[in-house]
């Protein structure tokens, strides 16, 4: 019998519940080989070729206006308002924030984890 292996994200319910409930998978058909920490979303970068003042203005706008609270308060959305389908907004992070991705790459040796440049 062929078994499919998968890595699981902490919030992953597609394989464990949704596909089983829809009859597209049987319980136990897929074996979990790794459960990761929460995987951070993609970063937003600001070009250093912009003036420091413009960089600061863009950063401030992302941190104070590109979030659900601001969008709701300003009347841009109501109800289940999210960014990218599930996000609240943006916050400053340091490089260590992306360590869970590095850990998954170290564990899985996935080809998508290597630089193509």
Protein backbone atom coordinates (compact mmCIF):
# COMPACT_ATOMS: atom_id res chain seq x y z
CA UNK A 1 0.00 0.00 0.00
CA UNK A 2 1.34 3.43 -0.92
CA UNK A 3 1.20 5.95 1.88
CA UNK A 4 1.44 9.69 1.49
CA UNK A 5 3.52 11.57 4.02
CA UNK A 6 2.97 15.18 4.96
CA UNK A 7 4.25 17.99 7.09
CA UNK A 8 1.54 19.59 9.21
CA UNK A 9 1.10 23.21 10.10
CA UNK A 10 -0.39 23.86 13.56
CA UNK A 11 -3.54 25.36 12.08
CA UNK A 12 -3.88 22.70 9.37
CA UNK A 13 -7.32 21.12 9.30
CA UNK A 14 -7.68 20.37 5.59
CA UNK A 15 -6.28 16.82 5.79
CA UNK A 16 -7.36 15.99 9.34
CA UNK A 17 -11.00 17.02 9.02
CA UNK A 18 -12.16 18.75 5.84
CA UNK A 19 -11.08 16.16 3.25
CA UNK A 20 -12.19 13.29 5.48
CA UNK A 21 -15.62 14.88 6.01
CA UNK A 22 -15.94 15.33 2.24
CA UNK A 23 -15.03 11.67 1.67
CA UNK A 24 -11.94 12.58 -0.32
CA UNK A 25 -9.59 10.93 2.22
CA UNK A 26 -9.98 8.06 4.65
CA UNK A 27 -8.78 8.40 8.26
CA UNK A 28 -5.17 7.19 8.47
CA UNK A 29 -4.62 7.40 4.71
CA UNK A 30 -1.95 10.05 5.21
CA UNK A 31 0.83 9.78 7.77
CA UNK A 32 2.11 12.88 9.50
CA UNK A 33 5.91 12.98 9.57
CA UNK A 34 6.48 16.47 10.94
CA UNK A 35 4.39 19.04 12.77
CA UNK A 36 5.89 22.50 12.53
CA UNK A 37 5.67 25.57 14.65
CA UNK A 38 3.46 28.31 13.23
CA UNK A 39 4.81 29.36 9.85
CA UNK A 40 5.00 33.14 9.44
CA UNK A 41 3.51 34.83 6.42
CA UNK A 42 5.52 36.41 3.66
CA UNK A 43 7.40 39.57 4.53
CA UNK A 44 6.91 42.97 2.98
CA UNK A 45 10.15 44.65 2.04
CA UNK A 46 10.90 48.31 1.43
CA UNK A 47 13.64 49.21 -1.00
CA UNK A 48 16.66 50.87 0.54
CA UNK A 49 16.99 52.91 -2.66
CA UNK A 50 14.09 55.04 -1.38
CA UNK A 51 14.87 57.98 0.85
CA UNK A 52 14.93 57.21 4.59
CA UNK A 53 11.94 59.53 5.07
CA UNK A 54 9.88 57.66 2.45
CA UNK A 55 10.93 54.28 3.88
CA UNK A 56 9.72 55.43 7.32
CA UNK A 57 6.43 56.73 5.89
CA UNK A 58 5.72 53.45 4.09
CA UNK A 59 6.66 51.40 7.17
CA UNK A 60 4.41 53.55 9.37
CA UNK A 61 1.49 53.16 6.95
CA UNK A 62 1.81 49.36 6.93
CA UNK A 63 2.03 49.20 10.73
CA UNK A 64 -0.81 51.62 11.50
CA UNK A 65 -3.20 51.49 8.53
CA UNK A 66 -2.79 48.10 6.85
CA UNK A 67 -4.67 46.20 9.55
CA UNK A 68 -8.20 45.04 10.21
CA UNK A 69 -8.84 47.48 13.07
CA UNK A 70 -7.98 50.52 10.93
CA UNK A 71 -9.88 49.22 7.89
CA UNK A 72 -13.04 48.62 9.97
CA UNK A 73 -12.78 51.94 11.83
CA UNK A 74 -12.34 53.77 8.51
CA UNK A 75 -15.34 52.02 6.92
CA UNK A 76 -13.35 50.06 4.34
CA UNK A 77 -14.82 46.75 5.48
CA UNK A 78 -17.18 45.23 8.04
CA UNK A 79 -17.92 41.82 9.46
CA UNK A 80 -15.21 39.23 8.84
CA UNK A 81 -12.63 41.70 7.58
CA UNK A 82 -9.18 40.18 6.99
CA UNK A 83 -6.09 40.79 4.91
CA UNK A 84 -5.04 37.93 2.61
CA UNK A 85 -7.98 35.89 3.85
CA UNK A 86 -6.79 35.41 7.42
CA UNK A 87 -4.29 38.03 8.53
CA UNK A 88 -4.94 40.90 10.94
CA UNK A 89 -2.21 43.17 9.61
CA UNK A 90 1.50 43.87 9.67
CA UNK A 91 4.04 44.26 12.45
CA UNK A 92 7.79 44.71 12.56
CA UNK A 93 9.75 41.47 13.00
CA UNK A 94 13.37 40.44 13.16
CA UNK A 95 15.13 37.74 11.19
CA UNK A 96 14.59 35.12 13.93
CA UNK A 97 10.83 35.34 13.26
CA UNK A 98 11.47 33.15 10.19
CA UNK A 99 13.34 30.41 12.10
CA UNK A 100 10.32 28.04 11.93
CA UNK A 101 10.66 28.04 8.13
CA UNK A 102 14.38 27.30 8.42
CA UNK A 103 13.60 24.43 10.80
CA UNK A 104 11.11 22.87 8.36
CA UNK A 105 13.67 23.23 5.57
CA UNK A 106 16.36 21.59 7.70
CA UNK A 107 14.03 18.70 8.56
CA UNK A 108 12.56 18.10 5.11
CA UNK A 109 15.51 19.01 2.84
CA UNK A 110 12.87 20.24 0.38
CA UNK A 111 14.29 21.60 -2.88
CA UNK A 112 12.10 24.71 -2.54
CA UNK A 113 14.16 25.70 0.50
CA UNK A 114 17.31 26.34 -1.49
CA UNK A 115 18.23 29.55 -3.25
CA UNK A 116 17.84 29.61 -7.01
CA UNK A 117 19.94 32.71 -7.57
